[in-house]
Structures are given as C-alpha cells and as structure tokens.
N, C-alpha and C. Protein backbone atom coordinates (compact mmCIF):
# COMPACT_ATOMS: atom_id res chain seq x y z
N MET A 1 -15.33 14.30 -10.38
CA MET A 1 -13.55 14.70 -9.14
C MET A 1 -12.23 14.30 -10.55
N TRP A 2 -12.30 13.54 -11.30
CA TRP A 2 -11.45 12.97 -12.04
C TRP A 2 -11.33 13.24 -13.42
N ILE A 3 -10.47 13.61 -14.07
CA ILE A 3 -10.23 13.94 -15.65
C ILE A 3 -9.32 12.97 -16.27
N TYR A 4 -9.90 11.51 -16.43
CA TYR A 4 -8.48 11.09 -16.95
C TYR A 4 -7.87 11.12 -18.79
N GLU A 5 -6.74 11.44 -18.59
CA GLU A 5 -6.19 11.80 -20.40
C GLU A 5 -5.95 9.80 -20.33
N LYS A 6 -6.21 9.92 -21.49
CA LYS A 6 -5.92 8.19 -21.92
C LYS A 6 -4.40 7.85 -23.01
N ARG A 7 -3.38 8.43 -21.50
CA ARG A 7 -2.16 8.28 -22.22
C ARG A 7 -2.08 8.09 -20.47
N LEU A 8 0.03 7.43 -20.22
CA LEU A 8 0.76 7.10 -19.09
C LEU A 8 0.99 8.43 -19.08
N GLN A 9 1.41 8.52 -17.37
CA GLN A 9 2.21 9.41 -17.03
C GLN A 9 4.08 9.64 -17.69
N PHE A 10 4.47 8.31 -18.17
CA PHE A 10 4.99 7.85 -18.82
C PHE A 10 5.21 6.66 -19.23
N PRO A 11 6.24 7.46 -20.63
CA PRO A 11 5.64 6.20 -22.12
C PRO A 11 6.62 4.68 -22.27
N ILE A 12 5.45 4.31 -21.61
CA ILE A 12 6.21 2.61 -21.78
C ILE A 12 6.13 1.85 -22.75
N ASN A 13 7.05 1.13 -23.45
CA ASN A 13 7.36 0.09 -24.79
C ASN A 13 8.27 -0.72 -24.57
N ILE A 14 8.04 -1.83 -23.65
CA ILE A 14 8.67 -3.16 -23.37
C ILE A 14 8.91 -3.85 -24.56
N LYS A 15 9.86 -4.38 -25.04
CA LYS A 15 9.79 -5.64 -26.21
C LYS A 15 10.32 -7.35 -25.66
N LYS A 16 11.02 -6.83 -24.41
CA LYS A 16 11.28 -7.76 -23.99
C LYS A 16 10.30 -8.93 -22.95
N THR A 17 10.15 -10.04 -23.28
CA THR A 17 9.81 -10.90 -22.39
C THR A 17 10.15 -11.41 -20.98
N ASP A 18 9.72 -11.30 -19.71
CA ASP A 18 10.63 -11.32 -19.22
C ASP A 18 9.31 -11.63 -17.78
N PRO A 19 9.22 -12.91 -17.54
CA PRO A 19 7.86 -12.91 -16.17
C PRO A 19 8.71 -13.03 -15.42
N GLN A 20 10.05 -13.89 -14.89
CA GLN A 20 10.13 -13.22 -13.58
C GLN A 20 10.75 -11.90 -12.99
N LEU A 21 11.01 -11.20 -13.89
CA LEU A 21 11.05 -9.44 -14.01
C LEU A 21 9.59 -9.60 -13.86
N ALA A 22 8.33 -9.82 -14.25
CA ALA A 22 7.12 -9.32 -13.79
C ALA A 22 6.88 -9.25 -12.59
N LYS A 23 7.09 -10.72 -12.15
CA LYS A 23 6.53 -10.97 -10.87
C LYS A 23 7.22 -9.66 -9.94
N ALA A 24 8.80 -9.88 -9.76
CA ALA A 24 9.54 -8.71 -9.16
C ALA A 24 8.30 -7.64 -8.35
N ILE A 25 7.75 -7.10 -9.96
CA ILE A 25 7.72 -5.13 -9.83
C ILE A 25 6.51 -5.74 -9.67
N LEU A 26 5.86 -6.63 -9.47
CA LEU A 26 4.10 -6.86 -9.05
C LEU A 26 3.32 -6.56 -7.70
N THR A 27 4.85 -6.26 -6.59
CA THR A 27 4.92 -5.81 -5.08
C THR A 27 5.18 -4.30 -5.12
N GLN A 28 4.84 -3.84 -6.79
CA GLN A 28 4.95 -2.20 -6.74
C GLN A 28 3.29 -2.36 -6.85
N TYR A 29 2.77 -3.40 -7.79
CA TYR A 29 1.27 -3.12 -7.74
C TYR A 29 0.12 -3.23 -6.08
N GLY A 30 0.72 -4.93 -6.00
CA GLY A 30 -0.23 -4.78 -4.63
C GLY A 30 0.97 -5.48 -3.40
N GLY A 31 1.77 -5.16 -3.42
CA GLY A 31 2.59 -5.00 -2.08
C GLY A 31 2.53 -3.71 -1.13
N PRO A 32 2.94 -4.37 0.36
CA PRO A 32 2.80 -3.17 1.24
C PRO A 32 3.41 -1.79 0.84
N ASN A 33 4.20 -2.04 -0.19
CA ASN A 33 5.21 -0.26 -0.58
C ASN A 33 4.86 -0.17 -1.80
N GLY A 34 3.65 -0.47 -2.64
CA GLY A 34 3.34 -0.60 -3.78
C GLY A 34 2.48 0.91 -4.08
N GLU A 35 2.21 0.93 -5.24
CA GLU A 35 1.11 1.74 -5.40
C GLU A 35 -0.19 2.31 -5.23
N LEU A 36 -1.26 1.22 -5.34
CA LEU A 36 -2.39 0.91 -4.39
C LEU A 36 -2.08 1.10 -3.02
N ALA A 37 -1.09 0.50 -1.67
CA ALA A 37 -1.74 0.98 -1.02
C ALA A 37 -0.96 2.74 -0.74
N ALA A 38 -0.69 3.48 -1.33
CA ALA A 38 -0.32 4.24 -1.79
C ALA A 38 -1.47 5.43 -1.59
N SER A 39 -2.13 5.16 -2.92
CA SER A 39 -3.17 5.75 -3.24
C SER A 39 -4.25 5.62 -2.17
N LEU A 40 -4.39 4.70 -2.09
CA LEU A 40 -5.50 4.41 -0.53
C LEU A 40 -4.66 4.73 0.44
N ARG A 41 -4.10 4.67 1.09
CA ARG A 41 -4.03 5.77 2.06
C ARG A 41 -3.84 7.01 1.81
N TYR A 42 -3.11 8.12 1.32
CA TYR A 42 -3.36 9.21 0.58
C TYR A 42 -4.77 9.51 0.67
N LEU A 43 -5.68 8.58 -0.52
CA LEU A 43 -7.41 9.28 -0.34
C LEU A 43 -7.49 9.35 0.55
N SER A 44 -7.73 8.51 1.12
CA SER A 44 -8.05 8.37 3.00
C SER A 44 -7.60 9.21 3.93
N GLN A 45 -6.48 9.60 3.80
CA GLN A 45 -6.41 10.46 5.39
C GLN A 45 -6.45 11.99 4.41
N ARG A 46 -7.02 12.01 3.53
CA ARG A 46 -7.27 13.32 3.30
C ARG A 46 -8.42 14.18 4.12
N TYR A 47 -9.07 13.50 4.05
CA TYR A 47 -10.57 13.96 4.69
C TYR A 47 -10.00 14.13 6.14
N THR A 48 -9.19 13.86 7.11
CA THR A 48 -8.83 14.32 8.08
C THR A 48 -7.95 15.40 8.58
N MET A 49 -6.94 16.31 7.46
CA MET A 49 -6.15 17.23 7.74
C MET A 49 -6.82 18.27 8.17
N PRO A 50 -5.92 19.39 8.08
CA PRO A 50 -6.43 20.44 9.07
C PRO A 50 -7.13 21.35 7.94
N THR A 51 -6.64 21.25 7.45
CA THR A 51 -6.68 22.57 5.79
C THR A 51 -6.69 22.05 4.48
N SER A 52 -7.48 23.07 3.90
CA SER A 52 -7.68 22.62 2.54
C SER A 52 -6.55 22.87 1.88
N GLN A 53 -5.67 23.25 1.94
CA GLN A 53 -4.19 23.01 1.15
C GLN A 53 -3.32 21.36 1.92
N ALA A 54 -3.63 21.20 2.96
CA ALA A 54 -2.84 19.52 3.57
C ALA A 54 -4.28 19.08 2.81
N LYS A 55 -5.32 19.12 2.22
CA LYS A 55 -6.49 18.64 2.12
C LYS A 55 -5.75 17.92 0.24
N ALA A 56 -6.11 19.76 -0.04
CA ALA A 56 -5.20 19.24 -1.52
C ALA A 56 -3.52 18.63 -1.93
N VAL A 57 -2.82 18.45 -0.91
CA VAL A 57 -1.45 17.67 -1.34
C VAL A 57 -2.04 16.13 -1.54
N LEU A 58 -2.89 15.86 -0.09
CA LEU A 58 -2.82 14.63 -0.21
C LEU A 58 -3.96 13.85 -1.15
N THR A 59 -4.48 14.83 -1.94
CA THR A 59 -6.27 14.72 -2.88
C THR A 59 -4.61 14.27 -4.55
N ASP A 60 -4.11 15.36 -3.98
CA ASP A 60 -3.01 14.97 -5.67
C ASP A 60 -2.35 14.32 -5.90
N ILE A 61 -1.39 13.81 -4.52
CA ILE A 61 -0.82 12.33 -5.09
C ILE A 61 -1.72 11.49 -4.77
N GLY A 62 -2.44 11.05 -4.45
CA GLY A 62 -3.27 9.72 -3.91
C GLY A 62 -3.61 9.91 -5.15
N THR A 63 -4.08 10.44 -5.89
CA THR A 63 -4.11 10.77 -7.46
C THR A 63 -3.09 10.64 -8.15
N GLU A 64 -1.97 11.01 -8.16
CA GLU A 64 -0.70 10.77 -8.91
C GLU A 64 -0.46 8.97 -8.46
N GLU A 65 -0.56 8.47 -7.20
CA GLU A 65 -0.36 7.45 -7.24
C GLU A 65 -1.27 6.53 -7.88
N LEU A 66 -2.18 6.56 -8.42
CA LEU A 66 -3.26 6.06 -9.02
C LEU A 66 -2.39 5.58 -10.49
N ALA A 67 -2.17 6.47 -11.18
CA ALA A 67 -1.60 6.76 -12.76
C ALA A 67 -0.50 5.82 -12.36
N HIS A 68 0.48 6.56 -11.45
CA HIS A 68 1.61 5.59 -11.33
C HIS A 68 1.38 3.87 -11.04
N LEU A 69 0.53 3.50 -9.95
CA LEU A 69 -0.20 2.12 -10.56
C LEU A 69 -1.26 1.45 -11.65
N GLU A 70 -1.39 2.60 -12.57
CA GLU A 70 -1.47 2.44 -14.27
C GLU A 70 0.16 1.83 -15.02
N MET A 71 0.50 2.99 -14.89
CA MET A 71 1.66 2.25 -15.13
C MET A 71 3.15 0.86 -14.41
N VAL A 72 2.68 0.66 -12.66
CA VAL A 72 3.11 -1.01 -12.67
C VAL A 72 2.45 -1.65 -13.86
N ALA A 73 1.05 -1.98 -13.82
CA ALA A 73 0.29 -2.21 -14.53
C ALA A 73 0.96 -2.78 -15.84
N THR A 74 0.80 -1.71 -16.65
CA THR A 74 0.79 -1.44 -17.91
C THR A 74 2.73 -2.50 -17.93
N ILE A 75 3.63 -1.79 -16.81
CA ILE A 75 5.12 -2.69 -16.95
C ILE A 75 4.89 -3.91 -16.92
N ILE A 76 4.28 -4.82 -15.91
CA ILE A 76 4.10 -6.04 -15.68
C ILE A 76 3.01 -6.46 -17.26
N TYR A 77 2.21 -5.48 -17.65
CA TYR A 77 1.83 -6.82 -18.91
C TYR A 77 2.44 -6.69 -19.91
N GLN A 78 3.23 -5.82 -20.19
CA GLN A 78 4.03 -5.61 -21.74
C GLN A 78 5.07 -6.82 -21.28
N LEU A 79 5.85 -6.85 -19.75
CA LEU A 79 7.27 -8.14 -20.07
C LEU A 79 6.16 -9.55 -20.05
N THR A 80 4.76 -9.75 -19.92
CA THR A 80 4.05 -11.47 -20.17
C THR A 80 3.20 -11.63 -20.96
N GLN A 81 2.60 -9.92 -21.84
CA GLN A 81 1.67 -10.49 -23.07
C GLN A 81 1.94 -11.19 -23.69
N ASP A 82 3.49 -11.52 -24.00
CA ASP A 82 4.01 -12.39 -25.49
C ASP A 82 4.45 -14.26 -24.91
N ALA A 83 4.85 -13.90 -22.91
CA ALA A 83 5.49 -15.24 -22.46
C ALA A 83 3.82 -16.28 -22.64
N THR A 84 4.47 -17.50 -22.96
CA THR A 84 3.70 -18.80 -22.80
C THR A 84 3.80 -19.41 -21.01
N GLY A 85 2.82 -20.54 -21.08
CA GLY A 85 3.22 -21.52 -19.63
C GLY A 85 4.69 -21.67 -19.38
N GLU A 86 5.33 -22.16 -20.86
CA GLU A 86 6.76 -22.83 -20.51
C GLU A 86 8.07 -21.85 -20.01
N ASP A 87 7.29 -20.74 -20.63
CA ASP A 87 8.75 -19.10 -19.81
C ASP A 87 8.23 -18.68 -18.57
N TYR A 88 6.95 -18.89 -17.97
CA TYR A 88 6.46 -18.37 -17.09
C TYR A 88 6.94 -20.21 -15.68
N MET A 89 7.65 -21.61 -16.11
CA MET A 89 7.80 -22.32 -15.64
C MET A 89 9.00 -22.22 -15.32
N LYS A 90 9.76 -21.55 -16.29
CA LYS A 90 12.19 -21.33 -16.84
C LYS A 90 12.26 -19.95 -15.62
N SER A 91 10.33 -19.22 -15.48
CA SER A 91 10.71 -18.43 -14.85
C SER A 91 10.81 -17.88 -13.10
N PHE A 92 10.38 -19.14 -12.91
CA PHE A 92 9.65 -19.58 -11.53
C PHE A 92 8.89 -18.36 -11.28
N ALA A 93 7.95 -18.40 -12.27
CA ALA A 93 6.97 -17.44 -11.78
C ALA A 93 5.37 -18.53 -12.44
N GLU A 94 5.53 -18.99 -12.53
CA GLU A 94 4.22 -20.10 -12.48
C GLU A 94 2.90 -20.16 -11.48
N ALA A 95 3.28 -19.71 -10.84
CA ALA A 95 2.30 -19.39 -9.73
C ALA A 95 1.36 -18.40 -10.36
N LEU A 96 1.60 -17.02 -11.04
CA LEU A 96 0.99 -16.10 -11.22
C LEU A 96 0.60 -16.71 -12.43
N TYR A 97 0.84 -17.31 -13.26
CA TYR A 97 0.42 -17.37 -13.85
C TYR A 97 -0.99 -18.93 -14.34
N SER A 98 -0.83 -19.60 -13.27
CA SER A 98 -1.48 -20.57 -12.65
C SER A 98 -3.22 -20.12 -12.10
N LYS A 99 -2.69 -18.90 -11.32
CA LYS A 99 -3.57 -17.91 -10.85
C LYS A 99 -4.04 -17.36 -11.46
N TRP A 100 -4.02 -16.68 -12.14
CA TRP A 100 -4.43 -15.23 -13.25
C TRP A 100 -3.92 -15.54 -14.66
N ASP A 101 -3.51 -16.54 -14.94
CA ASP A 101 -2.91 -16.13 -15.88
C ASP A 101 -2.07 -15.26 -16.10
N LYS A 102 -2.51 -14.15 -17.64
CA LYS A 102 -1.75 -12.83 -17.92
C LYS A 102 -2.88 -12.27 -17.02
N GLY A 103 -3.22 -11.71 -16.11
CA GLY A 103 -3.86 -11.22 -15.38
C GLY A 103 -3.80 -10.32 -14.78
N ILE A 104 -3.96 -8.92 -14.45
CA ILE A 104 -2.96 -8.07 -13.34
C ILE A 104 -3.78 -8.42 -12.31
N HIS A 105 -3.87 -8.53 -11.24
CA HIS A 105 -3.84 -8.48 -9.78
C HIS A 105 -3.12 -8.31 -8.85
N PRO A 106 -3.59 -7.69 -7.82
CA PRO A 106 -2.76 -6.69 -6.58
C PRO A 106 -2.63 -7.99 -5.94
N ASP A 107 -1.25 -8.57 -6.43
CA ASP A 107 -0.55 -9.46 -4.75
C ASP A 107 0.27 -8.57 -4.77
N ASP A 108 1.67 -8.73 -4.14
CA ASP A 108 2.83 -9.08 -3.76
C ASP A 108 3.44 -10.17 -4.88
N SER A 109 5.35 -9.96 -4.66
CA SER A 109 6.14 -10.36 -5.20
C SER A 109 5.99 -12.89 -5.07
N GLY A 110 5.57 -11.97 -4.15
CA GLY A 110 5.24 -13.41 -3.22
C GLY A 110 4.12 -14.34 -3.70
N THR A 111 2.58 -13.49 -4.31
CA THR A 111 1.47 -13.79 -4.55
C THR A 111 1.36 -13.54 -3.40
N ILE A 112 1.18 -12.36 -2.42
CA ILE A 112 0.05 -12.34 -1.14
C ILE A 112 -0.55 -11.31 -1.56
N ALA A 113 -2.01 -12.06 -1.16
CA ALA A 113 -2.90 -10.51 -1.94
C ALA A 113 -2.89 -9.06 -1.05
N PHE A 114 -2.76 -8.81 -1.80
CA PHE A 114 -3.19 -6.80 -1.23
C PHE A 114 -3.92 -6.73 0.15
N SER A 115 -3.93 -6.42 0.93
CA SER A 115 -4.34 -5.99 1.90
C SER A 115 -4.94 -5.32 1.87
N ALA A 116 -5.58 -4.58 3.10
CA ALA A 116 -6.25 -3.13 3.88
C ALA A 116 -5.04 -3.04 4.97
N THR A 117 -4.60 -4.27 5.51
CA THR A 117 -3.47 -3.78 6.80
C THR A 117 -2.65 -2.53 5.99
N TYR A 118 -2.07 -2.85 4.82
CA TYR A 118 -1.04 -1.87 4.16
C TYR A 118 -1.31 -0.55 4.31
N ILE A 119 -2.69 -0.27 4.70
CA ILE A 119 -2.47 1.39 5.07
C ILE A 119 -3.31 2.06 6.60
N ASN A 120 -3.08 2.49 6.58
CA ASN A 120 -3.56 3.32 8.01
C ASN A 120 -3.84 5.04 7.97
N THR A 121 -5.19 5.11 7.98
CA THR A 121 -5.55 6.64 9.01
C THR A 121 -5.63 6.97 10.19
N MET A 122 -5.20 7.87 11.10
CA MET A 122 -5.42 8.38 12.51
C MET A 122 -6.05 8.99 12.54
N GLY A 123 -6.72 9.70 12.21
CA GLY A 123 -7.80 10.67 12.04
C GLY A 123 -6.92 11.99 12.92
N ARG A 124 -7.84 12.53 13.62
CA ARG A 124 -7.05 13.43 13.88
C ARG A 124 -5.90 13.81 14.24
N ASP A 125 -5.64 13.03 14.59
CA ASP A 125 -3.62 12.62 14.40
C ASP A 125 -2.95 12.64 12.94
N TYR A 126 -3.28 14.35 12.76
CA TYR A 126 -2.45 13.60 11.23
C TYR A 126 -1.32 13.97 10.83
N ILE A 127 -0.09 14.66 12.20
CA ILE A 127 1.00 14.56 11.93
C ILE A 127 0.58 13.26 12.54
N ALA A 128 0.65 12.27 12.74
CA ALA A 128 1.31 10.63 12.70
C ALA A 128 0.41 10.33 10.69
N ASP A 129 -0.01 10.54 10.55
CA ASP A 129 0.03 10.61 8.93
C ASP A 129 0.47 10.86 8.43
N LEU A 130 1.13 12.00 8.76
CA LEU A 130 1.90 12.54 7.69
C LEU A 130 3.69 11.80 8.10
N TYR A 131 3.90 11.70 9.12
CA TYR A 131 4.75 10.72 9.04
C TYR A 131 5.02 9.68 8.14
N GLU A 132 3.96 9.11 8.56
CA GLU A 132 3.64 7.46 7.64
C GLU A 132 3.68 7.85 6.57
N ASP A 133 3.70 9.01 5.63
CA ASP A 133 3.67 9.42 4.82
C ASP A 133 4.66 9.68 4.27
N LEU A 134 5.61 9.71 4.76
CA LEU A 134 7.20 10.24 4.73
C LEU A 134 7.97 8.65 4.63
N ALA A 135 7.39 8.30 6.16
CA ALA A 135 8.05 6.84 5.99
C ALA A 135 7.91 5.97 4.23
N ALA A 136 6.53 6.09 4.08
CA ALA A 136 5.80 5.40 2.49
C ALA A 136 6.83 5.46 1.34
N GLU A 137 6.96 7.14 1.45
CA GLU A 137 7.33 6.88 0.30
C GLU A 137 8.75 6.83 -0.14
N GLU A 138 9.52 6.81 1.55
CA GLU A 138 11.24 6.45 1.54
C GLU A 138 10.81 4.64 1.19
N LYS A 139 10.13 4.43 1.37
CA LYS A 139 9.95 2.86 1.65
C LYS A 139 9.65 2.55 -0.30
N ALA A 140 9.10 3.52 -0.61
CA ALA A 140 8.69 3.15 -2.55
C ALA A 140 9.61 3.21 -3.16
N ARG A 141 10.35 3.95 -2.54
CA ARG A 141 11.65 5.08 -3.00
C ARG A 141 13.01 3.76 -3.58
N ALA A 142 12.83 2.99 -1.66
CA ALA A 142 14.04 1.82 -1.55
C ALA A 142 13.83 0.77 -2.66
N THR A 143 12.06 0.49 -1.98
CA THR A 143 12.01 -0.46 -3.44
C THR A 143 12.80 -0.21 -5.54
N TYR A 144 11.48 0.22 -5.21
CA TYR A 144 12.51 0.79 -6.78
C TYR A 144 14.27 0.62 -7.40
N GLU A 145 14.34 1.23 -5.96
CA GLU A 145 16.18 0.81 -6.07
C GLU A 145 16.26 -0.70 -6.57
N TYR A 146 15.45 -1.11 -5.46
CA TYR A 146 15.92 -2.28 -5.40
C TYR A 146 15.32 -3.38 -6.90
N LEU A 147 14.34 -2.99 -7.59
CA LEU A 147 14.09 -3.66 -8.47
C LEU A 147 14.82 -2.91 -9.42
N LEU A 148 15.66 -1.31 -9.78
CA LEU A 148 16.32 -1.29 -10.72
C LEU A 148 17.88 -2.00 -10.29
N ASP A 149 18.01 -2.84 -9.76
CA ASP A 149 19.24 -3.58 -9.14
C ASP A 149 19.18 -4.99 -10.42
N ILE A 150 17.59 -5.07 -10.53
CA ILE A 150 17.84 -6.66 -11.13
C ILE A 150 16.96 -6.46 -12.40
N THR A 151 17.80 -5.50 -12.94
CA THR A 151 17.15 -5.38 -14.19
C THR A 151 18.29 -4.60 -15.28
N LYS A 152 18.78 -5.02 -16.82
CA LYS A 152 18.96 -4.29 -17.67
C LYS A 152 18.54 -3.36 -18.56
N ASP A 153 17.58 -4.26 -18.64
CA ASP A 153 16.04 -3.70 -20.06
C ASP A 153 16.57 -2.02 -19.85
N PRO A 154 16.87 -1.05 -20.46
CA PRO A 154 16.48 -0.24 -20.76
C PRO A 154 15.39 0.80 -20.74
N ASP A 155 14.28 -0.24 -21.54
CA ASP A 155 13.04 -0.16 -22.04
C ASP A 155 12.26 -0.21 -20.06
N VAL A 156 12.71 -1.02 -19.30
CA VAL A 156 12.29 -1.39 -17.84
C VAL A 156 12.99 -0.02 -16.99
N ILE A 157 13.95 0.11 -17.42
CA ILE A 157 15.03 0.83 -16.64
C ILE A 157 14.20 1.90 -16.91
N ALA A 158 13.43 2.75 -17.71
CA ALA A 158 12.74 3.86 -17.33
C ALA A 158 12.04 4.72 -16.96
N PRO A 159 11.15 3.81 -16.76
CA PRO A 159 9.84 4.11 -16.56
C PRO A 159 10.31 4.04 -15.32
N LEU A 160 10.93 3.05 -14.50
CA LEU A 160 11.16 2.26 -12.88
C LEU A 160 12.20 3.60 -12.46
N SER A 161 12.80 3.83 -13.08
CA SER A 161 13.98 5.20 -12.73
C SER A 161 12.46 7.19 -12.64
N PHE A 162 11.01 6.61 -13.95
CA PHE A 162 10.60 7.49 -13.35
C PHE A 162 9.95 7.94 -11.56
N LEU A 163 9.35 6.53 -11.43
CA LEU A 163 8.44 6.37 -11.02
C LEU A 163 9.67 6.66 -9.30
N ARG A 164 10.56 5.87 -9.29
CA ARG A 164 11.92 6.94 -8.15
C ARG A 164 11.08 7.79 -8.04
N GLN A 165 11.48 8.58 -8.86
CA GLN A 165 12.30 10.31 -8.66
C GLN A 165 11.24 10.83 -8.36
N ARG A 166 9.38 10.33 -8.65
CA ARG A 166 8.63 10.82 -7.97
C ARG A 166 8.14 10.74 -6.87
N GLU A 167 8.55 9.47 -5.95
CA GLU A 167 8.70 9.25 -4.78
C GLU A 167 9.47 9.93 -3.84
N ILE A 168 10.80 10.38 -4.84
CA ILE A 168 11.29 11.77 -3.89
C ILE A 168 10.88 12.89 -3.87
N VAL A 169 9.98 13.22 -5.37
CA VAL A 169 9.03 14.54 -4.59
C VAL A 169 7.58 14.58 -4.24
N HIS A 170 7.65 13.06 -4.21
CA HIS A 170 6.57 13.18 -2.86
C HIS A 170 6.88 13.38 -1.62
N PHE A 171 7.55 12.76 -1.39
CA PHE A 171 8.83 12.77 0.21
C PHE A 171 8.85 14.55 0.37
N GLN A 172 9.54 15.05 -0.52
CA GLN A 172 9.87 16.52 -0.05
C GLN A 172 8.22 17.13 -0.06
N ARG A 173 7.33 17.03 -1.11
CA ARG A 173 5.71 17.81 -0.52
C ARG A 173 5.29 17.29 0.83
N PHE A 174 5.18 15.83 0.63
CA PHE A 174 5.06 15.82 2.09
C PHE A 174 5.90 16.73 3.39
N GLY A 175 7.57 16.72 3.06
CA GLY A 175 8.20 17.05 4.57
C GLY A 175 7.78 18.10 4.57
N GLU A 176 7.33 19.54 3.21
CA GLU A 176 7.17 20.88 3.23
C GLU A 176 5.50 20.95 4.23
N LEU A 177 5.20 20.43 3.31
CA LEU A 177 3.55 20.48 4.53
C LEU A 177 3.47 19.97 6.12
N LEU A 178 3.78 18.78 6.13
CA LEU A 178 4.50 18.53 8.03
C LEU A 178 5.41 20.05 8.32
N ASP A 179 5.96 20.77 8.08
CA ASP A 179 7.08 21.63 8.42
C ASP A 179 5.50 22.47 8.51
N LYS A 180 5.20 22.94 7.25
CA LYS A 180 4.27 24.36 8.09
C LYS A 180 2.74 24.04 8.34
N LEU A 181 2.51 22.46 8.46
CA LEU A 181 1.38 22.28 9.23
C LEU A 181 2.21 22.54 10.96
N GLN A 182 3.41 22.04 11.06
CA GLN A 182 3.98 22.34 12.74
C GLN A 182 4.09 23.83 13.11
N LEU A 183 4.82 24.46 11.42
CA LEU A 183 4.63 25.87 12.59
C LEU A 183 3.31 26.58 12.33
N GLU A 184 2.29 26.05 12.03
CA GLU A 184 0.73 26.85 11.79
C GLU A 184 0.44 26.58 13.28
N LYS A 185 0.90 25.28 13.59
CA LYS A 185 0.84 25.15 15.31
C LYS A 185 1.69 25.33 16.43
N ASN A 186 2.34 26.26 15.77
CA ASN A 186 3.34 26.72 17.18
C ASN A 186 3.50 25.23 17.81
N MET A 187 4.16 23.91 17.52
CA MET A 187 4.07 22.97 18.16
C MET A 187 5.76 23.14 18.49
N LYS A 188 5.37 22.27 19.62
CA LYS A 188 6.76 22.74 20.11
C LYS A 188 7.00 20.63 20.27
N THR A 189 6.47 19.77 19.64
CA THR A 189 6.28 18.43 20.38
C THR A 189 5.86 17.88 19.25
N VAL A 190 5.79 17.03 18.69
CA VAL A 190 5.24 16.10 16.80
C VAL A 190 3.97 15.65 17.24
N HIS A 191 3.36 15.73 18.80
CA HIS A 191 1.93 15.23 19.01
C HIS A 191 1.04 16.85 18.59
N PRO A 192 0.01 16.67 17.77
CA PRO A 192 -0.67 17.54 17.65
C PRO A 192 -2.29 18.02 18.59
N VAL A 193 -2.38 16.50 19.11
CA VAL A 193 -3.62 16.46 19.71
C VAL A 193 -3.55 17.43 21.55
N ASN A 194 -4.46 18.06 21.49
CA ASN A 194 -4.93 18.85 22.81
C ASN A 194 -4.91 17.47 23.87
N PHE A 195 -4.04 16.82 24.15
CA PHE A 195 -4.41 15.60 25.60
C PHE A 195 -4.30 16.05 26.91
N PRO A 196 -5.51 15.73 27.47
CA PRO A 196 -6.04 16.43 28.28
C PRO A 196 -4.75 16.70 29.88
N GLU A 197 -4.32 17.28 30.45
CA GLU A 197 -2.75 16.92 31.55
C GLU A 197 -3.01 16.06 32.76
N GLU A 198 -4.55 16.18 33.36
CA GLU A 198 -4.92 15.44 34.29
C GLU A 198 -4.50 13.68 33.81
N LYS A 199 -4.79 13.40 32.22
CA LYS A 199 -4.86 11.75 31.91
C LYS A 199 -3.18 12.24 31.43
N ALA A 200 -2.86 12.86 31.84
CA ALA A 200 -0.97 12.81 31.18
C ALA A 200 -0.33 12.13 32.68
N TYR A 201 -0.03 10.53 33.15
CA TYR A 201 0.40 9.81 34.11
C TYR A 201 1.95 10.29 34.04
N PHE A 202 2.67 10.31 33.13
CA PHE A 202 4.06 10.67 33.23
C PHE A 202 4.78 11.60 32.92
C-alpha cells in the first residue's frame, strides 16, 4: 500500500545536545496526543467511514502522521545522540537513559509507556469519530505550541513549527469532511445512527 521515500517530510539538522528537551518532545512520540496515537486512530477509523472519500481522507492523514512520527523520533535522536549519561543526569532525563539508553521508545515525557487507550473508534458512529479527530488535531497543535514555548533552538523550532502547521491543515480537512458527510445525510443533529424511536425514552 505504501511507498516509502527515504527522506523526511521536513529537513531536520539539530546541532545541540539537549536530553531535557528530548524528554519533553517524547510526548509527541508516545504520548496521548502524539503522532503514534494519531496514526493508529485514523488508520483504524477509516474502515467504518461511510464513503470512499472519507476512507481516503483518514488514510491520507493517518499515513502522514506516520511520517510525523518519524520526524519526532529524528528530533529526539538528534538531541541525544552525543549525550553522555552525565548529560542525562544534569538534564533530569536519567529515567530515559536508564530504561532505553538512547533508544527511541513510545513513552510520553513522564516515561509512561504508550497505551491503546489513547485511541478510539466508534464504528458506525463515524460522526463521533470525526469529532474526536478534530479534538485530537487541536490537542496536538496545542502541544506543539507548548513545546515551542520551551526552546530557543532554531534547529528545533523549524520542524516543530512545521508539525504544528500540519495539525492545523488536518483539522481543516477533518472539518470539511464532517461538513460534507452531514450535508450528504441531510442531518439536523450530529448523531448519524438511525436510533429506533421506541427506544428513545426521553
């Protein structure tokens, strides 16, 4: 299905060692609002989307999130590749070093391992999925903004800014898809399921 190009979606060339910043950025690798969660969420939800266009949108965005996961891993690795154990100690990032050395592991910045509870799919209630996707993109955008607040390194700011901008684009695409699906169904409410009236108690 996929064709892998041996290049990053955005160039990354970080010169400074900073394990503390790497630890913070790790949240976008294995954290609840990170790229791994996003890619798995969208690639799982696509199967129950009601149209081929909707399936394609979730496949496209889910695939791009995998490219973003690669970018985040590259940022983390370049920030730590020349670090010593002492550097990790000075940066209060020794928990990462003691667990994984310089390996990239799907943890968050608190060294909590990735969990499948970060993703969800509601099956035939694809409207609920799309609202979750909109929220996920906003959370990811906000997280990148928080990360940008804590660094002055231009080599880190550039790829983080790119990733932030892509979250905005994804939010717009999900919004357009949601509007289109609701219009096609001629919905007056946000609920897509034909719920039997006899089961509606209120």
